[in-house]
Amino acid sequence: MELTKKTHACVRLEKDGQTLVIDPGVFSEEDAAVGADAILVTHEHMDHFHEDRLRAGMEANPGAEIWTLASVAEQLSAAFRAACTPSARATPSPPPASRSRCTVSCTP
């Protein structure tokens, strides 16, 4: 496994051809989420997620999932619709009642 510390709170983990990016926020590099198969946003602060960073990741890999809190997914779902290709749509998957996390992904 390769772990790369990006600027501020962002971390990139790569293993067996899969990439997870954690917290690509406003202080992270513009391409911090590019090439990610999954992105984890731990909470709502701007230094842990930034729409442009997430959009770049989604545009580079529309099949990538973003794992986050339901409250963050609600904030981002409209923005992600714009990040998906015209034939795709952003789908926030609400968590079961007993869980606090959900995913947002572009679905063809």
PDB file of N, CA and C in Angstrom:
ATOM      1  N   MET A   1       0.853  -1.167   0.000  1.00  0.00           N
ATOM      2  CA  MET A   1       0.000   0.000   0.000  1.00  0.00           C
ATOM      3  C   MET A   1       0.896   1.227   0.000  1.00  0.00           C
ATOM      4  N   GLU A   2       0.470   2.218  -0.794  1.00  0.00           N
ATOM      5  CA  GLU A   2       1.201   3.482  -0.831  1.00  0.00           C
ATOM      6  C   GLU A   2       0.312   4.572  -0.242  1.00  0.00           C
ATOM      7  N   LEU A   3       0.849   5.284   0.732  1.00  0.00           N
ATOM      8  CA  LEU A   3       0.140   6.381   1.375  1.00  0.00           C
ATOM      9  C   LEU A   3       0.860   7.673   1.025  1.00  0.00           C
ATOM     10  N   THR A   4       0.104   8.641   0.472  1.00  0.00           N
ATOM     11  CA  THR A   4       0.675   9.934   0.127  1.00  0.00           C
ATOM     12  C   THR A   4      -0.063  11.020   0.880  1.00  0.00           C
ATOM     13  N   LYS A   5       0.655  11.786   1.678  1.00  0.00           N
ATOM     14  CA  LYS A   5       0.064  12.912   2.389  1.00  0.00           C
ATOM     15  C   LYS A   5       0.041  14.093   1.448  1.00  0.00           C
ATOM     16  N   LYS A   6      -1.153  14.608   1.185  1.00  0.00           N
ATOM     17  CA  LYS A   6      -1.305  15.810   0.377  1.00  0.00           C
ATOM     18  C   LYS A   6      -1.365  17.002   1.318  1.00  0.00           C
ATOM     19  N   THR A   7      -1.599  18.186   0.757  1.00  0.00           N
ATOM     20  CA  THR A   7      -1.640  19.393   1.562  1.00  0.00           C
ATOM     21  C   THR A   7      -2.792  19.363   2.558  1.00  0.00           C
ATOM     22  N   HIS A   8      -2.545  19.869   3.731  1.00  0.00           N
ATOM     23  CA  HIS A   8      -3.487  19.993   4.842  1.00  0.00           C
ATOM     24  C   HIS A   8      -4.028  18.626   5.253  1.00  0.00           C
ATOM     25  N   ALA A   9      -5.333  18.385   5.106  1.00  0.00           N
ATOM     26  CA  ALA A   9      -5.956  17.176   5.649  1.00  0.00           C
ATOM     27  C   ALA A   9      -6.041  16.037   4.650  1.00  0.00           C
ATOM     28  N   CYS A  10      -5.625  16.228   3.413  1.00  0.00           N
ATOM     29  CA  CYS A  10      -5.831  15.246   2.353  1.00  0.00           C
ATOM     30  C   CYS A  10      -4.779  14.136   2.382  1.00  0.00           C
ATOM     31  N   VAL A  11      -5.285  12.900   2.226  1.00  0.00           N
ATOM     32  CA  VAL A  11      -4.420  11.724   2.160  1.00  0.00           C
ATOM     33  C   VAL A  11      -4.878  10.879   0.983  1.00  0.00           C
ATOM     34  N   ARG A  12      -3.921  10.291   0.272  1.00  0.00           N
ATOM     35  CA  ARG A  12      -4.210   9.419  -0.871  1.00  0.00           C
ATOM     36  C   ARG A  12      -3.633   8.035  -0.571  1.00  0.00           C
ATOM     37  N   LEU A  13      -4.482   7.008  -0.638  1.00  0.00           N
ATOM     38  CA  LEU A  13      -4.070   5.626  -0.405  1.00  0.00           C
ATOM     39  C   LEU A  13      -4.223   4.847  -1.707  1.00  0.00           C
ATOM     40  N   GLU A  14      -3.177   4.126  -2.103  1.00  0.00           N
ATOM     41  CA  GLU A  14      -3.220   3.330  -3.321  1.00  0.00           C
ATOM     42  C   GLU A  14      -2.776   1.908  -3.012  1.00  0.00           C
ATOM     43  N   LYS A  15      -3.591   0.953  -3.494  1.00  0.00           N
ATOM     44  CA  LYS A  15      -3.256  -0.456  -3.292  1.00  0.00           C
ATOM     45  C   LYS A  15      -3.931  -1.275  -4.384  1.00  0.00           C
ATOM     46  N   ASP A  16      -3.170  -2.166  -4.980  1.00  0.00           N
ATOM     47  CA  ASP A  16      -3.693  -3.083  -5.991  1.00  0.00           C
ATOM     48  C   ASP A  16      -4.476  -2.372  -7.086  1.00  0.00           C
ATOM     49  N   GLY A  17      -3.967  -1.229  -7.534  1.00  0.00           N
ATOM     50  CA  GLY A  17      -4.599  -0.504  -8.618  1.00  0.00           C
ATOM     51  C   GLY A  17      -5.829   0.296  -8.242  1.00  0.00           C
ATOM     52  N   GLN A  18      -6.157   0.358  -6.973  1.00  0.00           N
ATOM     53  CA  GLN A  18      -7.306   1.117  -6.484  1.00  0.00           C
ATOM     54  C   GLN A  18      -6.806   2.310  -5.669  1.00  0.00           C
ATOM     55  N   THR A  19      -7.519   3.433  -5.770  1.00  0.00           N
ATOM     56  CA  THR A  19      -7.104   4.647  -5.077  1.00  0.00           C
ATOM     57  C   THR A  19      -8.242   5.210  -4.251  1.00  0.00           C
ATOM     58  N   LEU A  20      -7.960   5.494  -2.997  1.00  0.00           N
ATOM     59  CA  LEU A  20      -8.877   6.155  -2.084  1.00  0.00           C
ATOM     60  C   LEU A  20      -8.266   7.493  -1.706  1.00  0.00           C
ATOM     61  N   VAL A  21      -9.043   8.567  -1.829  1.00  0.00           N
ATOM     62  CA  VAL A  21      -8.594   9.894  -1.420  1.00  0.00           C
ATOM     63  C   VAL A  21      -9.473  10.337  -0.260  1.00  0.00           C
ATOM     64  N   ILE A  22      -8.840  10.817   0.791  1.00  0.00           N
ATOM     65  CA  ILE A  22      -9.553  11.255   1.989  1.00  0.00           C
ATOM     66  C   ILE A  22      -9.413  12.767   2.133  1.00  0.00           C
ATOM     67  N   ASP A  23     -10.543  13.439   2.249  1.00  0.00           N
ATOM     68  CA  ASP A  23     -10.623  14.876   2.557  1.00  0.00           C
ATOM     69  C   ASP A  23      -9.864  15.804   1.603  1.00  0.00           C
ATOM     70  N   PRO A  24     -10.242  15.806   0.308  1.00  0.00           N
ATOM     71  CA  PRO A  24      -9.625  16.768  -0.618  1.00  0.00           C
ATOM     72  C   PRO A  24     -10.283  18.142  -0.484  1.00  0.00           C
ATOM     73  N   GLY A  25      -9.802  18.914   0.443  1.00  0.00           N
ATOM     74  CA  GLY A  25     -10.411  20.208   0.762  1.00  0.00           C
ATOM     75  C   GLY A  25      -9.810  21.375   0.013  1.00  0.00           C
ATOM     76  N   VAL A  26     -10.227  22.547   0.403  1.00  0.00           N
ATOM     77  CA  VAL A  26      -9.852  23.781  -0.281  1.00  0.00           C
ATOM     78  C   VAL A  26      -8.334  24.021  -0.267  1.00  0.00           C
ATOM     79  N   PHE A  27      -7.629  23.512   0.722  1.00  0.00           N
ATOM     80  CA  PHE A  27      -6.183  23.720   0.790  1.00  0.00           C
ATOM     81  C   PHE A  27      -5.399  22.613   0.088  1.00  0.00           C
ATOM     82  N   SER A  28      -6.102  21.597  -0.419  1.00  0.00           N
ATOM     83  CA  SER A  28      -5.453  20.489  -1.123  1.00  0.00           C
ATOM     84  C   SER A  28      -5.123  20.890  -2.554  1.00  0.00           C
ATOM     85  N   GLU A  29      -4.255  20.124  -3.166  1.00  0.00           N
ATOM     86  CA  GLU A  29      -3.914  20.352  -4.560  1.00  0.00           C
ATOM     87  C   GLU A  29      -5.176  20.229  -5.427  1.00  0.00           C
ATOM     88  N   GLU A  30      -5.223  20.980  -6.525  1.00  0.00           N
ATOM     89  CA  GLU A  30      -6.400  20.965  -7.390  1.00  0.00           C
ATOM     90  C   GLU A  30      -6.703  19.579  -7.934  1.00  0.00           C
ATOM     91  N   ASP A  31      -5.679  18.768  -8.151  1.00  0.00           N
ATOM     92  CA  ASP A  31      -5.880  17.429  -8.706  1.00  0.00           C
ATOM     93  C   ASP A  31      -5.847  16.331  -7.633  1.00  0.00           C
ATOM     94  N   ALA A  32      -6.049  16.697  -6.392  1.00  0.00           N
ATOM     95  CA  ALA A  32      -5.932  15.739  -5.289  1.00  0.00           C
ATOM     96  C   ALA A  32      -6.828  14.517  -5.458  1.00  0.00           C
ATOM     97  N   ALA A  33      -8.026  14.677  -6.028  1.00  0.00           N
ATOM     98  CA  ALA A  33      -8.965  13.567  -6.164  1.00  0.00           C
ATOM     99  C   ALA A  33      -8.962  12.945  -7.559  1.00  0.00           C
ATOM    100  N   VAL A  34      -8.184  13.488  -8.469  1.00  0.00           N
ATOM    101  CA  VAL A  34      -8.147  12.956  -9.830  1.00  0.00           C
ATOM    102  C   VAL A  34      -7.576  11.548  -9.813  1.00  0.00           C
ATOM    103  N   GLY A  35      -8.260  10.620 -10.463  1.00  0.00           N
ATOM    104  CA  GLY A  35      -7.826   9.232 -10.512  1.00  0.00           C
ATOM    105  C   GLY A  35      -8.312   8.386  -9.356  1.00  0.00           C
ATOM    106  N   ALA A  36      -9.084   8.974  -8.465  1.00  0.00           N
ATOM    107  CA  ALA A  36      -9.587   8.225  -7.308  1.00  0.00           C
ATOM    108  C   ALA A  36     -10.730   7.297  -7.717  1.00  0.00           C
ATOM    109  N   ASP A  37     -10.733   6.112  -7.141  1.00  0.00           N
ATOM    110  CA  ASP A  37     -11.860   5.195  -7.299  1.00  0.00           C
ATOM    111  C   ASP A  37     -12.918   5.477  -6.251  1.00  0.00           C
ATOM    112  N   ALA A  38     -12.484   6.012  -5.128  1.00  0.00           N
ATOM    113  CA  ALA A  38     -13.389   6.391  -4.042  1.00  0.00           C
ATOM    114  C   ALA A  38     -12.795   7.588  -3.309  1.00  0.00           C
ATOM    115  N   ILE A  39     -13.687   8.433  -2.814  1.00  0.00           N
ATOM    116  CA  ILE A  39     -13.287   9.620  -2.056  1.00  0.00           C
ATOM    117  C   ILE A  39     -14.067   9.600  -0.750  1.00  0.00           C
ATOM    118  N   LEU A  40     -13.362   9.781   0.351  1.00  0.00           N
ATOM    119  CA  LEU A  40     -13.993   9.849   1.664  1.00  0.00           C
ATOM    120  C   LEU A  40     -13.919  11.286   2.159  1.00  0.00           C
ATOM    121  N   VAL A  41     -15.088  11.848   2.472  1.00  0.00           N
ATOM    122  CA  VAL A  41     -15.162  13.178   3.077  1.00  0.00           C
ATOM    123  C   VAL A  41     -15.618  12.967   4.509  1.00  0.00           C
ATOM    124  N   THR A  42     -14.756  13.291   5.462  1.00  0.00           N
ATOM    125  CA  THR A  42     -15.050  12.948   6.856  1.00  0.00           C
ATOM    126  C   THR A  42     -16.038  13.882   7.525  1.00  0.00           C
ATOM    127  N   HIS A  43     -16.060  15.153   7.078  1.00  0.00           N
ATOM    128  CA  HIS A  43     -17.028  16.081   7.661  1.00  0.00           C
ATOM    129  C   HIS A  43     -17.157  17.331   6.810  1.00  0.00           C
ATOM    130  N   GLU A  44     -17.978  18.261   7.249  1.00  0.00           N
ATOM    131  CA  GLU A  44     -18.456  19.363   6.425  1.00  0.00           C
ATOM    132  C   GLU A  44     -17.526  20.563   6.272  1.00  0.00           C
ATOM    133  N   HIS A  45     -16.436  20.640   6.957  1.00  0.00           N
ATOM    134  CA  HIS A  45     -15.591  21.829   6.867  1.00  0.00           C
ATOM    135  C   HIS A  45     -14.921  21.949   5.501  1.00  0.00           C
ATOM    136  N   MET A  46     -14.784  23.195   5.019  1.00  0.00           N
ATOM    137  CA  MET A  46     -14.232  23.444   3.686  1.00  0.00           C
ATOM    138  C   MET A  46     -12.814  22.912   3.518  1.00  0.00           C
ATOM    139  N   ASP A  47     -12.090  22.781   4.601  1.00  0.00           N
ATOM    140  CA  ASP A  47     -10.728  22.268   4.476  1.00  0.00           C
ATOM    141  C   ASP A  47     -10.712  20.744   4.327  1.00  0.00           C
ATOM    142  N   HIS A  48     -11.885  20.111   4.367  1.00  0.00           N
ATOM    143  CA  HIS A  48     -11.978  18.664   4.188  1.00  0.00           C
ATOM    144  C   HIS A  48     -12.728  18.273   2.933  1.00  0.00           C
ATOM    145  N   PHE A  49     -13.497  19.181   2.365  1.00  0.00           N
ATOM    146  CA  PHE A  49     -14.046  18.949   1.033  1.00  0.00           C
ATOM    147  C   PHE A  49     -14.228  20.278   0.321  1.00  0.00           C
ATOM    148  N   HIS A  50     -13.996  20.228  -0.968  1.00  0.00           N
ATOM    149  CA  HIS A  50     -14.155  21.408  -1.810  1.00  0.00           C
ATOM    150  C   HIS A  50     -14.779  20.929  -3.112  1.00  0.00           C
ATOM    151  N   GLU A  51     -15.834  21.597  -3.537  1.00  0.00           N
ATOM    152  CA  GLU A  51     -16.574  21.158  -4.716  1.00  0.00           C
ATOM    153  C   GLU A  51     -15.673  20.984  -5.935  1.00  0.00           C
ATOM    154  N   ASP A  52     -14.765  21.925  -6.174  1.00  0.00           N
ATOM    155  CA  ASP A  52     -13.903  21.829  -7.352  1.00  0.00           C
ATOM    156  C   ASP A  52     -13.003  20.603  -7.305  1.00  0.00           C
ATOM    157  N   ARG A  53     -12.497  20.264  -6.125  1.00  0.00           N
ATOM    158  CA  ARG A  53     -11.638  19.072  -5.998  1.00  0.00           C
ATOM    159  C   ARG A  53     -12.449  17.816  -6.291  1.00  0.00           C
ATOM    160  N   LEU A  54     -13.664  17.764  -5.734  1.00  0.00           N
ATOM    161  CA  LEU A  54     -14.528  16.605  -5.952  1.00  0.00           C
ATOM    162  C   LEU A  54     -14.987  16.531  -7.407  1.00  0.00           C
ATOM    163  N   ARG A  55     -15.324  17.670  -7.973  1.00  0.00           N
ATOM    164  CA  ARG A  55     -15.743  17.712  -9.379  1.00  0.00           C
ATOM    165  C   ARG A  55     -14.630  17.178 -10.286  1.00  0.00           C
ATOM    166  N   ALA A  56     -13.392  17.576 -10.045  1.00  0.00           N
ATOM    167  CA  ALA A  56     -12.267  17.097 -10.858  1.00  0.00           C
ATOM    168  C   ALA A  56     -12.142  15.578 -10.752  1.00  0.00           C
ATOM    169  N   GLY A  57     -12.315  15.046  -9.552  1.00  0.00           N
ATOM    170  CA  GLY A  57     -12.264  13.597  -9.370  1.00  0.00           C
ATOM    171  C   GLY A  57     -13.389  12.885 -10.091  1.00  0.00           C
ATOM    172  N   MET A  58     -14.604  13.445 -10.032  1.00  0.00           N
ATOM    173  CA  MET A  58     -15.759  12.838 -10.682  1.00  0.00           C
ATOM    174  C   MET A  58     -15.648  12.937 -12.205  1.00  0.00           C
ATOM    175  N   GLU A  59     -15.133  14.048 -12.714  1.00  0.00           N
ATOM    176  CA  GLU A  59     -14.976  14.186 -14.159  1.00  0.00           C
ATOM    177  C   GLU A  59     -13.930  13.212 -14.688  1.00  0.00           C
ATOM    178  N   ALA A  60     -12.866  13.000 -13.925  1.00  0.00           N
ATOM    179  CA  ALA A  60     -11.806  12.084 -14.350  1.00  0.00           C
ATOM    180  C   ALA A  60     -12.263  10.628 -14.273  1.00  0.00           C
ATOM    181  N   ASN A  61     -13.160  10.318 -13.331  1.00  0.00           N
ATOM    182  CA  ASN A  61     -13.658   8.953 -13.163  1.00  0.00           C
ATOM    183  C   ASN A  61     -15.118   9.015 -12.716  1.00  0.00           C
ATOM    184  N   PRO A  62     -16.063   9.107 -13.673  1.00  0.00           N
ATOM    185  CA  PRO A  62     -17.482   9.214 -13.301  1.00  0.00           C
ATOM    186  C   PRO A  62     -17.991   8.036 -12.474  1.00  0.00           C
ATOM    187  N   GLY A  63     -17.284   6.920 -12.479  1.00  0.00           N
ATOM    188  CA  GLY A  63     -17.699   5.766 -11.689  1.00  0.00           C
ATOM    189  C   GLY A  63     -17.225   5.821 -10.243  1.00  0.00           C
ATOM    190  N   ALA A  64     -16.446   6.829  -9.909  1.00  0.00           N
ATOM    191  CA  ALA A  64     -15.940   6.955  -8.538  1.00  0.00           C
ATOM    192  C   ALA A  64     -17.097   7.218  -7.582  1.00  0.00           C
ATOM    193  N   GLU A  65     -16.969   6.719  -6.377  1.00  0.00           N
ATOM    194  CA  GLU A  65     -17.962   6.985  -5.343  1.00  0.00           C
ATOM    195  C   GLU A  65     -17.378   7.945  -4.330  1.00  0.00           C
ATOM    196  N   ILE A  66     -18.245   8.752  -3.773  1.00  0.00           N
ATOM    197  CA  ILE A  66     -17.850   9.629  -2.686  1.00  0.00           C
ATOM    198  C   ILE A  66     -18.591   9.157  -1.453  1.00  0.00           C
ATOM    199  N   TRP A  67     -17.834   8.801  -0.438  1.00  0.00           N
ATOM    200  CA  TRP A  67     -18.396   8.329   0.826  1.00  0.00           C
ATOM    201  C   TRP A  67     -18.349   9.486   1.813  1.00  0.00           C
ATOM    202  N   THR A  68     -19.472   9.750   2.448  1.00  0.00           N
ATOM    203  CA  THR A  68     -19.525  10.904   3.322  1.00  0.00           C
ATOM    204  C   THR A  68     -20.708  10.805   4.272  1.00  0.00           C
ATOM    205  N   LEU A  69     -20.865  11.808   5.093  1.00  0.00           N
ATOM    206  CA  LEU A  69     -22.028  11.918   5.960  1.00  0.00           C
ATOM    207  C   LEU A  69     -23.235  12.318   5.124  1.00  0.00           C
ATOM    208  N   ALA A  70     -24.400  11.940   5.545  1.00  0.00           N
ATOM    209  CA  ALA A  70     -25.618  12.280   4.814  1.00  0.00           C
ATOM    210  C   ALA A  70     -25.745  13.787   4.629  1.00  0.00           C
ATOM    211  N   SER A  71     -25.369  14.569   5.616  1.00  0.00           N
ATOM    212  CA  SER A  71     -25.497  16.027   5.518  1.00  0.00           C
ATOM    213  C   SER A  71     -24.596  16.601   4.428  1.00  0.00           C
ATOM    214  N   VAL A  72     -23.412  16.031   4.238  1.00  0.00           N
ATOM    215  CA  VAL A  72     -22.525  16.491   3.177  1.00  0.00           C
ATOM    216  C   VAL A  72     -23.090  16.063   1.820  1.00  0.00           C
ATOM    217  N   ALA A  73     -23.604  14.847   1.736  1.00  0.00           N
ATOM    218  CA  ALA A  73     -24.181  14.365   0.477  1.00  0.00           C
ATOM    219  C   ALA A  73     -25.331  15.243   0.024  1.00  0.00           C
ATOM    220  N   GLU A  74     -26.135  15.677   0.952  1.00  0.00           N
ATOM    221  CA  GLU A  74     -27.246  16.566   0.606  1.00  0.00           C
ATOM    222  C   GLU A  74     -26.724  17.875   0.028  1.00  0.00           C
ATOM    223  N   GLN A  75     -25.672  18.420   0.608  1.00  0.00           N
ATOM    224  CA  GLN A  75     -25.094  19.675   0.126  1.00  0.00           C
ATOM    225  C   GLN A  75     -24.497  19.521  -1.266  1.00  0.00           C
ATOM    226  N   LEU A  76     -23.942  18.361  -1.546  1.00  0.00           N
ATOM    227  CA  LEU A  76     -23.208  18.175  -2.791  1.00  0.00           C
ATOM    228  C   LEU A  76     -24.008  17.569  -3.933  1.00  0.00           C
ATOM    229  N   SER A  77     -25.172  16.990  -3.669  1.00  0.00           N
ATOM    230  CA  SER A  77     -25.860  16.244  -4.717  1.00  0.00           C
ATOM    231  C   SER A  77     -26.156  17.106  -5.943  1.00  0.00           C
ATOM    232  N   ALA A  78     -26.583  18.330  -5.774  1.00  0.00           N
ATOM    233  CA  ALA A  78     -26.845  19.207  -6.921  1.00  0.00           C
ATOM    234  C   ALA A  78     -25.554  19.518  -7.669  1.00  0.00           C
ATOM    235  N   ALA A  79     -24.485  19.774  -6.941  1.00  0.00           N
ATOM    236  CA  ALA A  79     -23.204  20.064  -7.584  1.00  0.00           C
ATOM    237  C   ALA A  79     -22.700  18.856  -8.354  1.00  0.00           C
ATOM    238  N   PHE A  80     -22.919  17.663  -7.830  1.00  0.00           N
ATOM    239  CA  PHE A  80     -22.437  16.453  -8.492  1.00  0.00           C
ATOM    240  C   PHE A  80     -23.225  16.176  -9.755  1.00  0.00           C
ATOM    241  N   ARG A  81     -24.493  16.553  -9.761  1.00  0.00           N
ATOM    242  CA  ARG A  81     -25.259  16.386 -10.993  1.00  0.00           C
ATOM    243  C   ARG A  81     -24.548  17.125 -12.125  1.00  0.00           C
ATOM    244  N   ALA A  82     -24.024  18.290 -11.826  1.00  0.00           N
ATOM    245  CA  ALA A  82     -23.311  19.067 -12.833  1.00  0.00           C
ATOM    246  C   ALA A  82     -21.964  18.427 -13.174  1.00  0.00           C
ATOM    247  N   ALA A  83     -21.382  17.678 -12.243  1.00  0.00           N
ATOM    248  CA  ALA A  83     -20.076  17.064 -12.476  1.00  0.00           C
ATOM    249  C   ALA A  83     -20.182  15.799 -13.320  1.00  0.00           C
ATOM    250  N   CYS A  84     -21.352  15.185 -13.354  1.00  0.00           N
ATOM    251  CA  CYS A  84     -21.543  13.963 -14.129  1.00  0.00           C
ATOM    252  C   CYS A  84     -21.634  14.293 -15.611  1.00  0.00           C
ATOM    253  N   THR A  85     -21.396  13.303 -16.433  1.00  0.00           N
ATOM    254  CA  THR A  85     -21.562  13.495 -17.871  1.00  0.00           C
ATOM    255  C   THR A  85     -23.037  13.748 -18.154  1.00  0.00           C
ATOM    256  N   PRO A  86     -23.370  14.342 -19.297  1.00  0.00           N
ATOM    257  CA  PRO A  86     -24.775  14.660 -19.578  1.00  0.00           C
ATOM    258  C   PRO A  86     -25.703  13.451 -19.518  1.00  0.00           C
ATOM    259  N   SER A  87     -25.202  12.259 -19.824  1.00  0.00           N
ATOM    260  CA  SER A  87     -26.064  11.081 -19.815  1.00  0.00           C
ATOM    261  C   SER A  87     -26.095  10.388 -18.456  1.00  0.00           C
ATOM    262  N   ALA A  88     -25.401  10.956 -17.492  1.00  0.00           N
ATOM    263  CA  ALA A  88     -25.343  10.349 -16.166  1.00  0.00           C
ATOM    264  C   ALA A  88     -26.079  11.220 -15.168  1.00  0.00           C
ATOM    265  N   ARG A  89     -26.304  10.668 -13.991  1.00  0.00           N
ATOM    266  CA  ARG A  89     -26.926  11.465 -12.943  1.00  0.00           C
ATOM    267  C   ARG A  89     -26.260  11.153 -11.615  1.00  0.00           C
ATOM    268  N   ALA A  90     -26.241  12.128 -10.750  1.00  0.00           N
ATOM    269  CA  ALA A  90     -25.668  11.926  -9.420  1.00  0.00           C
ATOM    270  C   ALA A  90     -26.745  11.332  -8.536  1.00  0.00           C
ATOM    271  N   THR A  91     -26.373  10.314  -7.807  1.00  0.00           N
ATOM    272  CA  THR A  91     -27.338   9.638  -6.969  1.00  0.00           C
ATOM    273  C   THR A  91     -26.815   9.556  -5.547  1.00  0.00           C
ATOM    274  N   PRO A  92     -27.375  10.351  -4.622  1.00  0.00           N
ATOM    275  CA  PRO A  92     -26.986  10.150  -3.230  1.00  0.00           C
ATOM    276  C   PRO A  92     -27.716   8.926  -2.701  1.00  0.00           C
ATOM    277  N   SER A  93     -26.992   8.042  -2.072  1.00  0.00           N
ATOM    278  CA  SER A  93     -27.584   6.845  -1.477  1.00  0.00           C
ATOM    279  C   SER A  93     -27.682   7.062   0.015  1.00  0.00           C
ATOM    280  N   PRO A  94     -28.898   7.322   0.517  1.00  0.00           N
ATOM    281  CA  PRO A  94     -29.016   7.573   1.949  1.00  0.00           C
ATOM    282  C   PRO A  94     -28.658   6.325   2.748  1.00  0.00           C
ATOM    283  N   PRO A  95     -28.120   6.539   3.908  1.00  0.00           N
ATOM    284  CA  PRO A  95     -27.730   5.406   4.744  1.00  0.00           C
ATOM    285  C   PRO A  95     -28.951   4.752   5.382  1.00  0.00           C
ATOM    286  N   PRO A  96     -28.833   3.477   5.740  1.00  0.00           N
ATOM    287  CA  PRO A  96     -29.889   2.877   6.552  1.00  0.00           C
ATOM    288  C   PRO A  96     -30.018   3.660   7.859  1.00  0.00           C
ATOM    289  N   ALA A  97     -31.142   3.544   8.495  1.00  0.00           N
ATOM    290  CA  ALA A  97     -31.401   4.332   9.711  1.00  0.00           C
ATOM    291  C   ALA A  97     -30.317   4.159  10.761  1.00  0.00           C
ATOM    292  N   SER A  98     -29.677   3.004  10.790  1.00  0.00           N
ATOM    293  CA  SER A  98     -28.683   2.740  11.829  1.00  0.00           C
ATOM    294  C   SER A  98     -27.279   3.213  11.455  1.00  0.00           C
ATOM    295  N   ARG A  99     -27.133   3.786  10.244  1.00  0.00           N
ATOM    296  CA  ARG A  99     -25.797   4.215   9.813  1.00  0.00           C
ATOM    297  C   ARG A  99     -25.809   5.687   9.475  1.00  0.00           C
ATOM    298  N   SER A 100     -24.643   6.324   9.561  1.00  0.00           N
ATOM    299  CA  SER A 100     -24.572   7.759   9.336  1.00  0.00           C
ATOM    300  C   SER A 100     -23.839   8.120   8.048  1.00  0.00           C
ATOM    301  N   ARG A 101     -23.441   7.142   7.271  1.00  0.00           N
ATOM    302  CA  ARG A 101     -22.698   7.447   6.059  1.00  0.00           C
ATOM    303  C   ARG A 101     -23.532   7.112   4.840  1.00  0.00           C
ATOM    304  N   CYS A 102     -23.217   7.758   3.736  1.00  0.00           N
ATOM    305  CA  CYS A 102     -23.874   7.438   2.471  1.00  0.00           C
ATOM    306  C   CYS A 102     -22.875   7.666   1.351  1.00  0.00           C
ATOM    307  N   THR A 103     -23.271   7.355   0.152  1.00  0.00           N
ATOM    308  CA  THR A 103     -22.394   7.555  -1.001  1.00  0.00           C
ATOM    309  C   THR A 103     -23.074   8.447  -2.028  1.00  0.00           C
ATOM    310  N   VAL A 104     -22.260   9.075  -2.841  1.00  0.00           N
ATOM    311  CA  VAL A 104     -22.738   9.833  -3.994  1.00  0.00           C
ATOM    312  C   VAL A 104     -21.893   9.359  -5.161  1.00  0.00           C
ATOM    313  N   SER A 105     -22.549   8.985  -6.241  1.00  0.00           N
ATOM    314  CA  SER A 105     -21.793   8.548  -7.398  1.00  0.00           C
ATOM    315  C   SER A 105     -22.501   8.979  -8.674  1.00  0.00           C
ATOM    316  N   CYS A 106     -21.740   9.065  -9.750  1.00  0.00           N
ATOM    317  CA  CYS A 106     -22.319   9.334 -11.052  1.00  0.00           C
ATOM    318  C   CYS A 106     -22.726   7.998 -11.661  1.00  0.00           C
ATOM    319  N   THR A 107     -23.973   7.905 -12.057  1.00  0.00           N
ATOM    320  CA  THR A 107     -24.498   6.655 -12.604  1.00  0.00           C
ATOM    321  C   THR A 107     -24.854   6.861 -14.061  1.00  0.00           C
ATOM    322  N   PRO A 108     -24.269   6.057 -14.969  1.00  0.00           N
ATOM    323  CA  PRO A 108     -24.602   6.218 -16.392  1.00  0.00           C
ATOM    324  C   PRO A 108     -26.054   5.896 -16.647  1.00  0.00           C
TER     325      PRO A 108
END
